[in-house]
Protein backbone atom coordinates (compact mmCIF):
# COMPACT_ATOMS: atom_id res chain seq x y z
CA MET A 1 -62.12 2.24 62.12
CA SER A 2 -58.45 2.12 62.97
CA ASP A 3 -56.09 5.13 62.74
CA LEU A 4 -54.52 3.73 59.59
CA GLY A 5 -57.88 3.47 57.86
CA ALA A 6 -59.01 6.83 59.01
CA ALA A 7 -55.73 8.45 57.88
CA ALA A 8 -56.05 6.76 54.39
CA ALA A 9 -59.69 8.02 54.13
CA ALA A 10 -58.60 11.57 55.26
CA LEU A 11 -55.77 11.67 52.86
CA GLY A 12 -57.46 9.83 49.97
CA ILE A 13 -54.57 7.45 49.33
CA PRO A 14 -54.02 3.72 49.86
CA GLU A 15 -53.33 2.34 53.36
CA ALA A 16 -50.08 0.77 52.33
CA LEU A 17 -48.68 4.20 51.10
CA VAL A 18 -50.06 5.88 54.18
CA LYS A 19 -48.33 3.31 56.40
CA ARG A 20 -44.85 3.77 54.74
CA SER A 21 -45.25 7.52 54.74
CA ALA A 22 -46.09 7.40 58.51
CA GLU A 23 -43.15 5.25 59.23
CA ALA A 24 -40.79 7.55 57.47
CA ARG A 25 -42.31 10.66 59.13
CA ALA A 26 -42.13 8.95 62.64
CA LYS A 27 -38.46 8.11 61.96
CA GLU A 28 -37.77 11.68 61.05
CA ALA A 29 -39.64 13.26 63.90
CA GLY A 30 -38.58 10.82 66.54
CA VAL A 31 -42.18 9.87 67.50
CA SER A 32 -44.18 6.70 67.16
CA VAL A 33 -46.13 5.64 64.07
CA GLU A 34 -49.44 5.61 66.05
CA GLU A 35 -49.04 9.26 66.85
CA ILE A 36 -48.43 10.14 63.15
CA LEU A 37 -51.45 8.08 62.07
CA ALA A 38 -53.67 9.63 64.87
CA ALA A 39 -52.70 13.14 63.75
CA TRP A 40 -53.39 12.27 60.01
CA ALA A 41 -56.74 10.70 60.98
CA GLY A 42 -57.82 13.74 63.04
CA GLY A 43 -56.72 16.20 60.45
CA ALA A 44 -54.01 17.83 62.67
CA ALA A 45 -50.37 18.46 61.82
CA PRO A 46 -48.08 15.61 62.78
CA PRO A 47 -45.54 16.15 65.56
CA THR A 48 -42.11 17.29 64.47
CA ALA A 49 -38.72 16.72 66.05
CA PRO A 50 -37.64 19.36 68.60
CA GLN A 51 -35.53 22.18 67.16
CA PRO A 52 -32.16 23.12 68.69
CA ASP A 53 -31.87 26.43 70.61
CA ALA A 54 -31.09 29.28 68.26
CA SER A 55 -29.04 30.92 70.91
CA LEU A 56 -26.53 27.98 70.92
CA GLN A 57 -25.84 28.30 67.22
CA SER A 58 -23.33 30.60 65.74
CA PRO A 59 -24.65 33.80 64.08
CA ASP A 60 -23.38 32.62 60.62
CA ALA A 61 -24.97 29.30 60.93
CA SER A 62 -28.28 30.73 61.93
CA GLN A 63 -28.20 33.01 58.91
CA ASP A 64 -27.02 30.47 56.28
CA LYS A 65 -29.58 27.82 57.32
CA ALA A 66 -33.03 28.59 56.02
CA THR A 67 -36.09 27.76 58.06
CA PRO A 68 -37.68 24.55 56.53
CA THR A 69 -40.93 25.14 54.89
CA PRO A 70 -43.75 23.04 56.62
CA GLU A 71 -45.31 20.66 54.25
CA PRO A 72 -49.11 20.86 53.69
CA LEU A 73 -51.27 18.63 55.83
CA GLY A 74 -52.46 15.49 54.30
CA GLN A 75 -49.61 15.06 51.69
CA PRO A 76 -46.85 12.41 52.00
CA PRO A 77 -43.28 13.57 52.14
CA PRO A 78 -41.51 13.79 48.80
CA PRO A 79 -38.95 11.00 47.92
CA GLN A 80 -35.46 11.97 48.94
CA GLN A 81 -32.91 12.24 46.03
CA PRO A 82 -29.45 10.68 46.55
CA ALA A 83 -26.74 13.24 47.05
CA ALA A 84 -24.62 13.99 43.97
CA ILE A 85 -20.98 12.60 43.93
CA THR A 86 -18.76 15.66 44.16
CA THR A 87 -15.45 13.86 44.39
CA ILE A 88 -13.63 11.62 41.96
CA PRO A 89 -12.68 8.20 43.29
CA GLU A 90 -9.04 7.50 43.35
CA SER A 91 -9.51 4.35 41.24
CA LEU A 92 -10.76 6.42 38.18
CA PRO A 93 -8.21 7.91 35.94
CA ARG A 94 -7.97 11.66 36.16
CA PRO A 95 -8.05 13.78 33.04
CA PRO A 96 -4.62 14.99 31.83
CA ARG A 97 -3.67 18.63 32.47
CA LEU A 98 -3.55 20.78 29.49
CA ALA A 99 -0.41 22.63 28.86
CA PRO A 100 -0.72 26.39 28.95
CA ARG A 101 -1.21 28.13 25.59
CA VAL A 102 2.05 29.84 24.64
CA SER A 103 0.86 31.72 21.58
CA ASP A 104 -2.21 32.07 19.47
CA ALA A 105 -0.18 32.53 16.22
CA PRO A 106 -0.85 29.88 13.50
CA PRO A 107 1.83 27.28 13.01
CA VAL A 108 4.23 27.85 10.03
CA LEU A 109 4.66 24.88 7.68
CA VAL A 110 8.22 24.42 6.45
CA GLY A 111 8.50 22.20 3.34
CA ARG A 112 11.20 21.12 0.86
CA VAL A 113 11.22 22.15 -2.69
CA GLU A 114 11.35 19.09 -5.03
CA ARG A 115 13.14 19.75 -8.28
CA ALA A 116 12.52 17.63 -11.42
CA GLY A 117 16.03 17.87 -12.76
CA GLY A 118 17.52 15.15 -10.39
CA LEU A 119 14.69 12.76 -11.14
CA VAL A 120 15.03 13.22 -15.01
CA ALA A 121 18.85 12.72 -14.77
CA GLY A 122 18.44 9.55 -12.77
CA VAL A 123 15.90 8.06 -15.16
CA SER A 124 17.98 9.05 -18.14
CA GLY A 125 21.10 7.44 -16.59
CA ILE A 126 19.29 4.18 -15.92
CA LEU A 127 17.95 4.13 -19.50
CA ILE A 128 21.44 4.83 -21.00
CA LEU A 129 22.96 2.08 -18.78
CA SER A 130 20.26 -0.36 -19.87
CA LEU A 131 20.83 0.28 -23.59
CA LEU A 132 24.64 -0.15 -23.11
CA LEU A 133 24.19 -3.58 -21.29
CA ALA A 134 21.46 -4.83 -23.68
CA VAL A 135 22.61 -3.65 -27.04
CA VAL A 136 26.10 -2.26 -27.30
CA ALA A 137 27.99 -4.56 -25.02
CA PRO A 138 26.81 -7.87 -26.66
CA ALA A 139 27.57 -6.46 -30.16
CA VAL A 140 31.29 -5.91 -29.32
CA PRO A 141 33.41 -8.65 -30.95
CA MET A 142 35.19 -10.74 -28.38
CA GLU A 143 38.72 -11.95 -28.76
CA GLY A 144 39.66 -15.56 -29.18
CA ASP A 145 40.70 -17.75 -26.22
CA GLY A 146 43.66 -19.23 -28.06
CA VAL A 147 42.01 -22.69 -28.48
CA ARG A 148 39.12 -22.14 -30.85
CA SER A 149 39.79 -20.40 -34.06
CA SER A 150 37.25 -19.08 -36.68
CA ARG A 151 39.90 -19.41 -39.46
CA LEU A 152 38.24 -21.98 -41.66
CA PRO A 153 40.42 -24.22 -43.86
CA PHE A 154 38.71 -23.31 -47.14
CA THR A 155 39.48 -25.27 -50.34
CA ALA A 156 40.82 -23.65 -53.45
CA ALA A 157 37.32 -23.69 -55.04
CA ALA A 158 35.92 -22.03 -51.85
CA LEU A 159 38.64 -19.33 -51.90
CA GLU A 160 37.74 -18.48 -55.49
CA GLY A 161 34.07 -18.50 -54.49
CA ARG A 162 34.88 -15.99 -51.69
CA ASP A 163 36.29 -13.56 -54.38
CA ILE A 164 33.09 -14.02 -56.36
CA TYR A 165 31.18 -13.23 -53.19
CA LEU A 166 33.13 -9.96 -52.85
CA GLN A 167 32.65 -8.99 -56.60
CA GLN A 168 28.88 -9.61 -56.42
CA GLY A 169 28.54 -7.42 -53.38
CA CYS A 170 26.85 -10.06 -51.29
CA GLY A 171 28.23 -8.46 -48.16
CA SER A 172 25.97 -5.46 -48.62
CA CYS A 173 22.97 -7.54 -47.87
CA HIS A 174 24.34 -10.51 -45.74
CA THR A 175 26.53 -10.43 -42.70
CA GLN A 176 28.99 -13.15 -41.56
CA LEU A 177 28.83 -12.04 -37.89
CA VAL A 178 26.89 -13.97 -35.38
CA ARG A 179 26.53 -11.79 -32.29
CA ASN A 180 26.02 -12.92 -28.70
CA VAL A 181 22.55 -11.53 -28.59
CA VAL A 182 19.04 -13.10 -28.33
CA SER A 183 18.10 -12.38 -31.86
CA ASP A 184 21.10 -14.31 -33.27
CA VAL A 185 20.35 -17.55 -31.31
CA GLY A 186 20.18 -20.41 -33.67
CA LEU A 187 22.49 -18.84 -36.36
CA GLY A 188 25.48 -20.81 -35.22
CA PRO A 189 28.49 -20.16 -32.96
CA VAL A 190 29.41 -16.60 -32.10
CA THR A 191 31.80 -15.22 -34.68
CA LEU A 192 35.30 -14.61 -33.22
CA SER A 193 37.50 -11.62 -33.95
CA ASP A 194 40.16 -13.62 -35.90
CA THR A 195 37.65 -14.80 -38.55
CA ASN A 196 38.78 -15.23 -42.15
CA GLN A 197 35.22 -14.90 -43.43
CA ILE A 198 33.91 -11.80 -44.96
CA VAL A 199 32.07 -9.62 -42.56
CA GLY A 200 29.13 -7.77 -44.14
CA TYR A 201 27.91 -4.47 -42.93
CA ARG A 202 24.15 -4.78 -43.55
CA ARG A 203 21.82 -7.65 -42.75
CA TYR A 204 18.86 -7.38 -45.08
CA GLY A 205 19.00 -11.11 -45.71
CA PRO A 206 19.90 -14.05 -43.44
CA ASP A 207 23.37 -14.12 -41.76
CA LEU A 208 25.79 -16.43 -43.77
CA ALA A 209 28.52 -16.94 -41.22
CA SER A 210 27.47 -20.53 -40.54
CA VAL A 211 25.15 -21.11 -43.47
CA GLY A 212 26.82 -24.38 -44.42
CA SER A 213 25.68 -25.95 -41.09
CA ARG A 214 22.08 -24.96 -41.72
CA ILE A 215 21.74 -25.85 -45.45
CA THR A 216 22.90 -29.24 -46.64
CA ASP A 217 21.07 -29.35 -50.00
CA VAL A 218 23.32 -28.05 -52.72
CA SER A 219 20.65 -28.08 -55.33
CA GLY A 220 18.41 -26.08 -53.02
CA LEU A 221 21.03 -23.48 -52.49
CA GLU A 222 21.76 -23.26 -56.18
CA SER A 223 17.94 -22.67 -56.92
CA ILE A 224 18.01 -19.78 -54.29
CA LEU A 225 20.97 -18.10 -55.95
CA ARG A 226 19.27 -18.43 -59.43
CA GLY A 227 16.35 -16.38 -58.22
CA GLY A 228 14.35 -18.59 -56.00
CA SER A 229 12.88 -17.99 -52.58
CA GLN A 230 12.69 -14.15 -53.14
CA HIS A 231 16.34 -13.90 -53.75
CA PRO A 232 17.56 -11.78 -56.67
CA ALA A 233 18.88 -13.99 -59.51
CA ILE A 234 22.69 -14.01 -60.00
CA THR A 235 23.12 -14.22 -63.84
CA ALA A 236 26.41 -12.41 -64.47
CA ILE A 237 28.53 -15.38 -63.49
CA SER A 238 29.25 -18.74 -65.18
CA ASN A 239 28.22 -22.13 -63.97
CA GLU A 240 31.74 -22.81 -62.60
CA GLU A 241 31.89 -19.47 -60.78
CA LEU A 242 28.47 -20.32 -59.30
CA SER A 243 29.81 -23.73 -58.24
CA ASN A 244 32.78 -22.06 -56.52
CA LEU A 245 30.46 -19.47 -54.71
CA ILE A 246 28.21 -22.40 -53.56
CA ALA A 247 31.54 -24.22 -52.28
CA TYR A 248 32.46 -21.16 -50.23
CA LEU A 249 28.93 -20.98 -48.64
CA MET A 250 28.79 -24.75 -47.94
CA GLU A 251 32.23 -24.65 -46.25
CA SER A 252 31.19 -21.74 -44.08
CA ARG A 253 30.40 -23.51 -40.89
């Protein structure tokens, strides 16, 4: 039997593992593989590398270095672990240095006091301005441009009808003022400030500033004044006065 087989039998491990262990031990001890196998096959300790003279070493080095513990016979050397990396490569980014702590006192938050008075005043101002632009400004009568005039050329019958209009108090329910607002669109041209029509002060019924351009049926207008179409009947005037009142309304364009 060869030394390899005898060493494997003596150690109780496979020949391949014994051979690799013997090669590693021979390289470490500086001897041949055959000597290692022969020692393991005969049960003797394998030869080791010569140790340097202790007298040539410094006292500190001899004290710092511990004497290596001999491994038990028949066991392969333990696998060597790679040395740990103790230095950081230059290519890797280094962690930032933390600034020294100045104080352990908690930070003080400084805020700004918000007051609701300014917000309420701003919203109220915007609301008032919107009302002025949407309601008050369009309702202000505009002066004439010197070309167009609202002084209508009424006939004598229409002028008498206008007096009847005043006597009957028609202006308390009907206005003769078309404003330049959205609600008055379709009532006729906007009434100018130099109008010779009667301007009412309440508008419970339809505006009559341009009623003659919207109603062309005289008989239909007469039936309305006599109590038709939810209009109160006018009975305190004669037929002639009613005709003059209708003439005033029909000539109001």
